[in-house]
Amino acid sequence: MNISRAEQRTLHVLARGGAVLVEKDDKGKIVEVNCVSREGWTLADCSLGVFRKLRKRRLVASSDGGPYRITRAGRVAVRPQLDNRS
């Protein structure tokens, strides 16, 4: 599967225990996303476009109205790396 660098970084943060927090408008449409690592840091590479691609490919999912987390398919798709700088 072809995954961009920003998508790879987002999946890497999620695989290490992070979450994607979403904000919705009055109609329930997602208008803003915020990717947070388990340490509380915000990932700047996670934009609305990146999030939509990940959700369309079913690499992230939400359960019971909670934050979006990585799925099993997302864990398979992410390449292992030592840190998030490459």
PDB file of N, CA and C in Angstrom:
ATOM      1  N   MET A   1       0.846  -1.174   0.000  1.00  0.00           N
ATOM      2  CA  MET A   1       0.000   0.000   0.000  1.00  0.00           C
ATOM      3  C   MET A   1       0.890   1.234   0.000  1.00  0.00           C
ATOM      4  N   ASN A   2       0.552   2.213  -0.812  1.00  0.00           N
ATOM      5  CA  ASN A   2       1.308   3.447  -0.906  1.00  0.00           C
ATOM      6  C   ASN A   2       0.819   4.435   0.148  1.00  0.00           C
ATOM      7  N   ILE A   3       1.679   4.796   1.068  1.00  0.00           N
ATOM      8  CA  ILE A   3       1.313   5.701   2.152  1.00  0.00           C
ATOM      9  C   ILE A   3       2.295   6.856   2.158  1.00  0.00           C
ATOM     10  N   SER A   4       1.777   8.082   2.213  1.00  0.00           N
ATOM     11  CA  SER A   4       2.635   9.266   2.201  1.00  0.00           C
ATOM     12  C   SER A   4       3.380   9.406   3.529  1.00  0.00           C
ATOM     13  N   ARG A   5       4.335  10.309   3.541  1.00  0.00           N
ATOM     14  CA  ARG A   5       5.141  10.527   4.741  1.00  0.00           C
ATOM     15  C   ARG A   5       4.285  11.040   5.904  1.00  0.00           C
ATOM     16  N   ALA A   6       3.376  11.970   5.618  1.00  0.00           N
ATOM     17  CA  ALA A   6       2.519  12.509   6.680  1.00  0.00           C
ATOM     18  C   ALA A   6       1.594  11.422   7.240  1.00  0.00           C
ATOM     19  N   GLU A   7       1.069  10.579   6.356  1.00  0.00           N
ATOM     20  CA  GLU A   7       0.214   9.482   6.812  1.00  0.00           C
ATOM     21  C   GLU A   7       1.021   8.495   7.648  1.00  0.00           C
ATOM     22  N   GLN A   8       2.259   8.230   7.230  1.00  0.00           N
ATOM     23  CA  GLN A   8       3.124   7.309   7.953  1.00  0.00           C
ATOM     24  C   GLN A   8       3.436   7.837   9.359  1.00  0.00           C
ATOM     25  N   ARG A   9       3.708   9.129   9.461  1.00  0.00           N
ATOM     26  CA  ARG A   9       3.982   9.731  10.772  1.00  0.00           C
ATOM     27  C   ARG A   9       2.758   9.670  11.676  1.00  0.00           C
ATOM     28  N   THR A  10       1.601   9.941  11.106  1.00  0.00           N
ATOM     29  CA  THR A  10       0.378   9.888  11.897  1.00  0.00           C
ATOM     30  C   THR A  10       0.121   8.476  12.398  1.00  0.00           C
ATOM     31  N   LEU A  11       0.267   7.487  11.516  1.00  0.00           N
ATOM     32  CA  LEU A  11       0.062   6.097  11.931  1.00  0.00           C
ATOM     33  C   LEU A  11       1.078   5.681  12.984  1.00  0.00           C
ATOM     34  N   HIS A  12       2.300   6.181  12.868  1.00  0.00           N
ATOM     35  CA  HIS A  12       3.335   5.829  13.842  1.00  0.00           C
ATOM     36  C   HIS A  12       2.977   6.358  15.234  1.00  0.00           C
ATOM     37  N   VAL A  13       2.478   7.577  15.299  1.00  0.00           N
ATOM     38  CA  VAL A  13       2.056   8.150  16.585  1.00  0.00           C
ATOM     39  C   VAL A  13       0.882   7.362  17.149  1.00  0.00           C
ATOM     40  N   LEU A  14      -0.054   6.984  16.299  1.00  0.00           N
ATOM     41  CA  LEU A  14      -1.214   6.225  16.758  1.00  0.00           C
ATOM     42  C   LEU A  14      -0.814   4.827  17.211  1.00  0.00           C
ATOM     43  N   ALA A  15       0.151   4.222  16.534  1.00  0.00           N
ATOM     44  CA  ALA A  15       0.596   2.881  16.919  1.00  0.00           C
ATOM     45  C   ALA A  15       1.274   2.886  18.279  1.00  0.00           C
ATOM     46  N   ARG A  16       1.841   4.008  18.652  1.00  0.00           N
ATOM     47  CA  ARG A  16       2.494   4.118  19.955  1.00  0.00           C
ATOM     48  C   ARG A  16       1.544   4.562  21.061  1.00  0.00           C
ATOM     49  N   GLY A  17       0.237   4.608  20.770  1.00  0.00           N
ATOM     50  CA  GLY A  17      -0.739   4.904  21.819  1.00  0.00           C
ATOM     51  C   GLY A  17      -1.421   6.246  21.697  1.00  0.00           C
ATOM     52  N   GLY A  18      -1.227   6.940  20.600  1.00  0.00           N
ATOM     53  CA  GLY A  18      -1.852   8.243  20.408  1.00  0.00           C
ATOM     54  C   GLY A  18      -3.299   8.111  19.954  1.00  0.00           C
ATOM     55  N   ALA A  19      -3.946   9.262  19.756  1.00  0.00           N
ATOM     56  CA  ALA A  19      -5.340   9.287  19.329  1.00  0.00           C
ATOM     57  C   ALA A  19      -5.581  10.515  18.470  1.00  0.00           C
ATOM     58  N   VAL A  20      -6.596  10.445  17.628  1.00  0.00           N
ATOM     59  CA  VAL A  20      -7.012  11.583  16.812  1.00  0.00           C
ATOM     60  C   VAL A  20      -8.322  12.098  17.385  1.00  0.00           C
ATOM     61  N   LEU A  21      -8.299  13.326  17.846  1.00  0.00           N
ATOM     62  CA  LEU A  21      -9.485  13.973  18.400  1.00  0.00           C
ATOM     63  C   LEU A  21     -10.119  14.808  17.299  1.00  0.00           C
ATOM     64  N   VAL A  22     -11.427  14.707  17.127  1.00  0.00           N
ATOM     65  CA  VAL A  22     -12.116  15.423  16.056  1.00  0.00           C
ATOM     66  C   VAL A  22     -13.098  16.431  16.644  1.00  0.00           C
ATOM     67  N   GLU A  23     -13.338  17.496  15.870  1.00  0.00           N
ATOM     68  CA  GLU A  23     -14.368  18.467  16.215  1.00  0.00           C
ATOM     69  C   GLU A  23     -15.369  18.479  15.079  1.00  0.00           C
ATOM     70  N   LYS A  24     -16.655  18.448  15.430  1.00  0.00           N
ATOM     71  CA  LYS A  24     -17.714  18.390  14.435  1.00  0.00           C
ATOM     72  C   LYS A  24     -18.556  19.659  14.472  1.00  0.00           C
ATOM     73  N   ASP A  25     -19.183  19.966  13.334  1.00  0.00           N
ATOM     74  CA  ASP A  25     -20.075  21.111  13.285  1.00  0.00           C
ATOM     75  C   ASP A  25     -21.486  20.695  13.712  1.00  0.00           C
ATOM     76  N   ASP A  26     -22.457  21.566  13.506  1.00  0.00           N
ATOM     77  CA  ASP A  26     -23.828  21.302  13.939  1.00  0.00           C
ATOM     78  C   ASP A  26     -24.450  20.101  13.244  1.00  0.00           C
ATOM     79  N   LYS A  27     -24.023  19.841  12.006  1.00  0.00           N
ATOM     80  CA  LYS A  27     -24.600  18.747  11.229  1.00  0.00           C
ATOM     81  C   LYS A  27     -23.878  17.423  11.441  1.00  0.00           C
ATOM     82  N   GLY A  28     -22.818  17.416  12.237  1.00  0.00           N
ATOM     83  CA  GLY A  28     -22.086  16.191  12.513  1.00  0.00           C
ATOM     84  C   GLY A  28     -20.916  15.943  11.578  1.00  0.00           C
ATOM     85  N   LYS A  29     -20.595  16.906  10.720  1.00  0.00           N
ATOM     86  CA  LYS A  29     -19.480  16.759   9.785  1.00  0.00           C
ATOM     87  C   LYS A  29     -18.181  17.153  10.489  1.00  0.00           C
ATOM     88  N   ILE A  30     -17.129  16.372  10.256  1.00  0.00           N
ATOM     89  CA  ILE A  30     -15.835  16.643  10.883  1.00  0.00           C
ATOM     90  C   ILE A  30     -15.203  17.869  10.225  1.00  0.00           C
ATOM     91  N   VAL A  31     -14.864  18.875  11.028  1.00  0.00           N
ATOM     92  CA  VAL A  31     -14.298  20.108  10.484  1.00  0.00           C
ATOM     93  C   VAL A  31     -12.858  20.338  10.933  1.00  0.00           C
ATOM     94  N   GLU A  32     -12.430  19.675  12.004  1.00  0.00           N
ATOM     95  CA  GLU A  32     -11.064  19.874  12.497  1.00  0.00           C
ATOM     96  C   GLU A  32     -10.590  18.600  13.195  1.00  0.00           C
ATOM     97  N   VAL A  33      -9.311  18.274  12.980  1.00  0.00           N
ATOM     98  CA  VAL A  33      -8.717  17.105  13.632  1.00  0.00           C
ATOM     99  C   VAL A  33      -7.477  17.532  14.392  1.00  0.00           C
ATOM    100  N   ASN A  34      -7.183  16.789  15.448  1.00  0.00           N
ATOM    101  CA  ASN A  34      -6.016  17.054  16.272  1.00  0.00           C
ATOM    102  C   ASN A  34      -5.431  15.713  16.695  1.00  0.00           C
ATOM    103  N   CYS A  35      -4.235  15.399  16.208  1.00  0.00           N
ATOM    104  CA  CYS A  35      -3.574  14.139  16.535  1.00  0.00           C
ATOM    105  C   CYS A  35      -2.683  14.364  17.755  1.00  0.00           C
ATOM    106  N   VAL A  36      -2.934  13.606  18.807  1.00  0.00           N
ATOM    107  CA  VAL A  36      -2.212  13.769  20.064  1.00  0.00           C
ATOM    108  C   VAL A  36      -1.492  12.471  20.399  1.00  0.00           C
ATOM    109  N   SER A  37      -0.209  12.581  20.754  1.00  0.00           N
ATOM    110  CA  SER A  37       0.547  11.395  21.155  1.00  0.00           C
ATOM    111  C   SER A  37       0.190  11.033  22.592  1.00  0.00           C
ATOM    112  N   ARG A  38       0.637   9.882  23.039  1.00  0.00           N
ATOM    113  CA  ARG A  38       0.315   9.466  24.409  1.00  0.00           C
ATOM    114  C   ARG A  38       0.997  10.340  25.448  1.00  0.00           C
ATOM    115  N   GLU A  39       2.064  11.060  25.044  1.00  0.00           N
ATOM    116  CA  GLU A  39       2.738  11.994  25.957  1.00  0.00           C
ATOM    117  C   GLU A  39       2.049  13.351  26.011  1.00  0.00           C
ATOM    118  N   GLY A  40       1.083  13.586  25.097  1.00  0.00           N
ATOM    119  CA  GLY A  40       0.355  14.843  25.087  1.00  0.00           C
ATOM    120  C   GLY A  40       0.808  15.822  24.022  1.00  0.00           C
ATOM    121  N   TRP A  41       1.756  15.427  23.188  1.00  0.00           N
ATOM    122  CA  TRP A  41       2.239  16.300  22.122  1.00  0.00           C
ATOM    123  C   TRP A  41       1.277  16.260  20.937  1.00  0.00           C
ATOM    124  N   THR A  42       1.171  17.395  20.227  1.00  0.00           N
ATOM    125  CA  THR A  42       0.322  17.490  19.050  1.00  0.00           C
ATOM    126  C   THR A  42       1.170  17.316  17.801  1.00  0.00           C
ATOM    127  N   LEU A  43       0.697  16.518  16.864  1.00  0.00           N
ATOM    128  CA  LEU A  43       1.395  16.265  15.606  1.00  0.00           C
ATOM    129  C   LEU A  43       0.901  17.253  14.562  1.00  0.00           C
ATOM    130  N   ALA A  44       1.819  18.045  14.004  1.00  0.00           N
ATOM    131  CA  ALA A  44       1.455  19.063  13.026  1.00  0.00           C
ATOM    132  C   ALA A  44       1.144  18.472  11.655  1.00  0.00           C
ATOM    133  N   ASP A  45       1.680  17.286  11.345  1.00  0.00           N
ATOM    134  CA  ASP A  45       1.479  16.671  10.035  1.00  0.00           C
ATOM    135  C   ASP A  45       0.075  16.118   9.831  1.00  0.00           C
ATOM    136  N   CYS A  46      -0.669  15.958  10.885  1.00  0.00           N
ATOM    137  CA  CYS A  46      -1.999  15.359  10.787  1.00  0.00           C
ATOM    138  C   CYS A  46      -3.021  16.449  10.445  1.00  0.00           C
ATOM    139  N   SER A  47      -3.321  16.565   9.161  1.00  0.00           N
ATOM    140  CA  SER A  47      -4.303  17.539   8.709  1.00  0.00           C
ATOM    141  C   SER A  47      -5.626  16.833   8.422  1.00  0.00           C
ATOM    142  N   LEU A  48      -6.618  17.604   8.057  1.00  0.00           N
ATOM    143  CA  LEU A  48      -7.929  17.032   7.754  1.00  0.00           C
ATOM    144  C   LEU A  48      -7.843  16.122   6.531  1.00  0.00           C
ATOM    145  N   GLY A  49      -7.046  16.505   5.540  1.00  0.00           N
ATOM    146  CA  GLY A  49      -6.881  15.678   4.344  1.00  0.00           C
ATOM    147  C   GLY A  49      -6.217  14.348   4.648  1.00  0.00           C
ATOM    148  N   VAL A  50      -5.171  14.372   5.468  1.00  0.00           N
ATOM    149  CA  VAL A  50      -4.479  13.134   5.861  1.00  0.00           C
ATOM    150  C   VAL A  50      -5.437  12.239   6.637  1.00  0.00           C
ATOM    151  N   PHE A  51      -6.178  12.823   7.554  1.00  0.00           N
ATOM    152  CA  PHE A  51      -7.131  12.050   8.348  1.00  0.00           C
ATOM    153  C   PHE A  51      -8.190  11.396   7.465  1.00  0.00           C
ATOM    154  N   ARG A  52      -8.699  12.130   6.484  1.00  0.00           N
ATOM    155  CA  ARG A  52      -9.727  11.570   5.592  1.00  0.00           C
ATOM    156  C   ARG A  52      -9.176  10.402   4.775  1.00  0.00           C
ATOM    157  N   LYS A  53      -7.919  10.510   4.329  1.00  0.00           N
ATOM    158  CA  LYS A  53      -7.307   9.400   3.585  1.00  0.00           C
ATOM    159  C   LYS A  53      -7.180   8.159   4.467  1.00  0.00           C
ATOM    160  N   LEU A  54      -6.735   8.358   5.705  1.00  0.00           N
ATOM    161  CA  LEU A  54      -6.572   7.231   6.621  1.00  0.00           C
ATOM    162  C   LEU A  54      -7.916   6.588   6.950  1.00  0.00           C
ATOM    163  N   ARG A  55      -8.923   7.400   7.120  1.00  0.00           N
ATOM    164  CA  ARG A  55     -10.242   6.870   7.444  1.00  0.00           C
ATOM    165  C   ARG A  55     -10.859   6.159   6.241  1.00  0.00           C
ATOM    166  N   LYS A  56     -10.637   6.691   5.046  1.00  0.00           N
ATOM    167  CA  LYS A  56     -11.159   6.073   3.829  1.00  0.00           C
ATOM    168  C   LYS A  56     -10.532   4.700   3.598  1.00  0.00           C
ATOM    169  N   ARG A  57      -9.239   4.565   3.916  1.00  0.00           N
ATOM    170  CA  ARG A  57      -8.544   3.291   3.762  1.00  0.00           C
ATOM    171  C   ARG A  57      -8.766   2.362   4.958  1.00  0.00           C
ATOM    172  N   ARG A  58      -9.552   2.801   5.931  1.00  0.00           N
ATOM    173  CA  ARG A  58      -9.870   2.040   7.149  1.00  0.00           C
ATOM    174  C   ARG A  58      -8.635   1.711   7.973  1.00  0.00           C
ATOM    175  N   LEU A  59      -7.702   2.665   8.021  1.00  0.00           N
ATOM    176  CA  LEU A  59      -6.508   2.487   8.839  1.00  0.00           C
ATOM    177  C   LEU A  59      -6.707   3.062  10.238  1.00  0.00           C
ATOM    178  N   VAL A  60      -7.715   3.931  10.397  1.00  0.00           N
ATOM    179  CA  VAL A  60      -8.101   4.446  11.709  1.00  0.00           C
ATOM    180  C   VAL A  60      -9.613   4.292  11.847  1.00  0.00           C
ATOM    181  N   ALA A  61     -10.066   4.143  13.087  1.00  0.00           N
ATOM    182  CA  ALA A  61     -11.500   3.992  13.334  1.00  0.00           C
ATOM    183  C   ALA A  61     -11.823   4.470  14.744  1.00  0.00           C
ATOM    184  N   SER A  62     -13.073   4.825  14.931  1.00  0.00           N
ATOM    185  CA  SER A  62     -13.576   5.232  16.234  1.00  0.00           C
ATOM    186  C   SER A  62     -14.578   4.200  16.709  1.00  0.00           C
ATOM    187  N   SER A  63     -14.577   3.942  18.002  1.00  0.00           N
ATOM    188  CA  SER A  63     -15.572   3.020  18.539  1.00  0.00           C
ATOM    189  C   SER A  63     -16.292   3.671  19.705  1.00  0.00           C
ATOM    190  N   ASP A  64     -17.604   3.520  19.719  1.00  0.00           N
ATOM    191  CA  ASP A  64     -18.465   4.063  20.783  1.00  0.00           C
ATOM    192  C   ASP A  64     -18.311   5.560  20.975  1.00  0.00           C
ATOM    193  N   GLY A  65     -18.096   6.301  19.895  1.00  0.00           N
ATOM    194  CA  GLY A  65     -18.014   7.758  19.975  1.00  0.00           C
ATOM    195  C   GLY A  65     -16.726   8.283  20.573  1.00  0.00           C
ATOM    196  N   GLY A  66     -15.726   7.434  20.749  1.00  0.00           N
ATOM    197  CA  GLY A  66     -14.452   7.840  21.318  1.00  0.00           C
ATOM    198  C   GLY A  66     -13.522   8.418  20.267  1.00  0.00           C
ATOM    199  N   PRO A  67     -12.290   8.701  20.649  1.00  0.00           N
ATOM    200  CA  PRO A  67     -11.323   9.224  19.684  1.00  0.00           C
ATOM    201  C   PRO A  67     -10.930   8.153  18.667  1.00  0.00           C
ATOM    202  N   TYR A  68     -10.441   8.616  17.524  1.00  0.00           N
ATOM    203  CA  TYR A  68     -10.013   7.684  16.485  1.00  0.00           C
ATOM    204  C   TYR A  68      -8.680   7.074  16.873  1.00  0.00           C
ATOM    205  N   ARG A  69      -8.575   5.760  16.716  1.00  0.00           N
ATOM    206  CA  ARG A  69      -7.354   5.017  17.028  1.00  0.00           C
ATOM    207  C   ARG A  69      -6.984   4.161  15.828  1.00  0.00           C
ATOM    208  N   ILE A  70      -5.786   3.630  15.839  1.00  0.00           N
ATOM    209  CA  ILE A  70      -5.303   2.811  14.736  1.00  0.00           C
ATOM    210  C   ILE A  70      -5.999   1.455  14.749  1.00  0.00           C
ATOM    211  N   THR A  71      -6.272   0.919  13.561  1.00  0.00           N
ATOM    212  CA  THR A  71      -6.890  -0.395  13.433  1.00  0.00           C
ATOM    213  C   THR A  71      -5.814  -1.444  13.172  1.00  0.00           C
ATOM    214  N   ARG A  72      -6.242  -2.684  13.089  1.00  0.00           N
ATOM    215  CA  ARG A  72      -5.297  -3.766  12.786  1.00  0.00           C
ATOM    216  C   ARG A  72      -4.670  -3.560  11.406  1.00  0.00           C
ATOM    217  N   ALA A  73      -5.476  -3.135  10.438  1.00  0.00           N
ATOM    218  CA  ALA A  73      -4.946  -2.862   9.094  1.00  0.00           C
ATOM    219  C   ALA A  73      -3.928  -1.719   9.136  1.00  0.00           C
ATOM    220  N   GLY A  74      -4.160  -0.744   9.994  1.00  0.00           N
ATOM    221  CA  GLY A  74      -3.218   0.357  10.144  1.00  0.00           C
ATOM    222  C   GLY A  74      -1.903  -0.099  10.745  1.00  0.00           C
ATOM    223  N   ARG A  75      -1.969  -1.008  11.699  1.00  0.00           N
ATOM    224  CA  ARG A  75      -0.738  -1.536  12.302  1.00  0.00           C
ATOM    225  C   ARG A  75       0.084  -2.325  11.296  1.00  0.00           C
ATOM    226  N   VAL A  76      -0.588  -3.024  10.392  1.00  0.00           N
ATOM    227  CA  VAL A  76       0.120  -3.776   9.352  1.00  0.00           C
ATOM    228  C   VAL A  76       0.752  -2.821   8.339  1.00  0.00           C
ATOM    229  N   ALA A  77       0.069  -1.714   8.035  1.00  0.00           N
ATOM    230  CA  ALA A  77       0.529  -0.788   7.006  1.00  0.00           C
ATOM    231  C   ALA A  77       1.681   0.101   7.467  1.00  0.00           C
ATOM    232  N   VAL A  78       1.797   0.358   8.756  1.00  0.00           N
ATOM    233  CA  VAL A  78       2.833   1.276   9.235  1.00  0.00           C
ATOM    234  C   VAL A  78       4.195   0.582   9.202  1.00  0.00           C
ATOM    235  N   ARG A  79       5.200   1.341   8.738  1.00  0.00           N
ATOM    236  CA  ARG A  79       6.563   0.824   8.718  1.00  0.00           C
ATOM    237  C   ARG A  79       7.204   1.113  10.066  1.00  0.00           C
ATOM    238  N   PRO A  80       7.947   0.162  10.632  1.00  0.00           N
ATOM    239  CA  PRO A  80       8.597   0.420  11.912  1.00  0.00           C
ATOM    240  C   PRO A  80       9.724   1.431  11.751  1.00  0.00           C
ATOM    241  N   GLN A  81       9.824   2.341  12.707  1.00  0.00           N
ATOM    242  CA  GLN A  81      10.906   3.306  12.720  1.00  0.00           C
ATOM    243  C   GLN A  81      11.246   3.653  14.161  1.00  0.00           C
ATOM    244  N   LEU A  82      12.487   4.042  14.386  1.00  0.00           N
ATOM    245  CA  LEU A  82      12.949   4.310  15.734  1.00  0.00           C
ATOM    246  C   LEU A  82      12.315   5.565  16.323  1.00  0.00           C
ATOM    247  N   ASP A  83      12.190   6.593  15.516  1.00  0.00           N
ATOM    248  CA  ASP A  83      11.580   7.829  15.981  1.00  0.00           C
ATOM    249  C   ASP A  83      10.770   8.433  14.861  1.00  0.00           C
ATOM    250  N   ASN A  84      10.207   9.579  15.100  1.00  0.00           N
ATOM    251  CA  ASN A  84       9.319  10.201  14.132  1.00  0.00           C
ATOM    252  C   ASN A  84      10.039  11.229  13.275  1.00  0.00           C
ATOM    253  N   ARG A  85      11.339  11.249  13.246  1.00  0.00           N
ATOM    254  CA  ARG A  85      12.071  12.294  12.544  1.00  0.00           C
ATOM    255  C   ARG A  85      12.457  11.955  11.120  1.00  0.00           C
ATOM    256  N   SER A  86      12.299  10.718  10.703  1.00  0.00           N
ATOM    257  CA  SER A  86      12.720  10.365   9.346  1.00  0.00           C
ATOM    258  C   SER A  86      11.589  10.462   8.351  1.00  0.00           C
TER     259      SER A  86
END
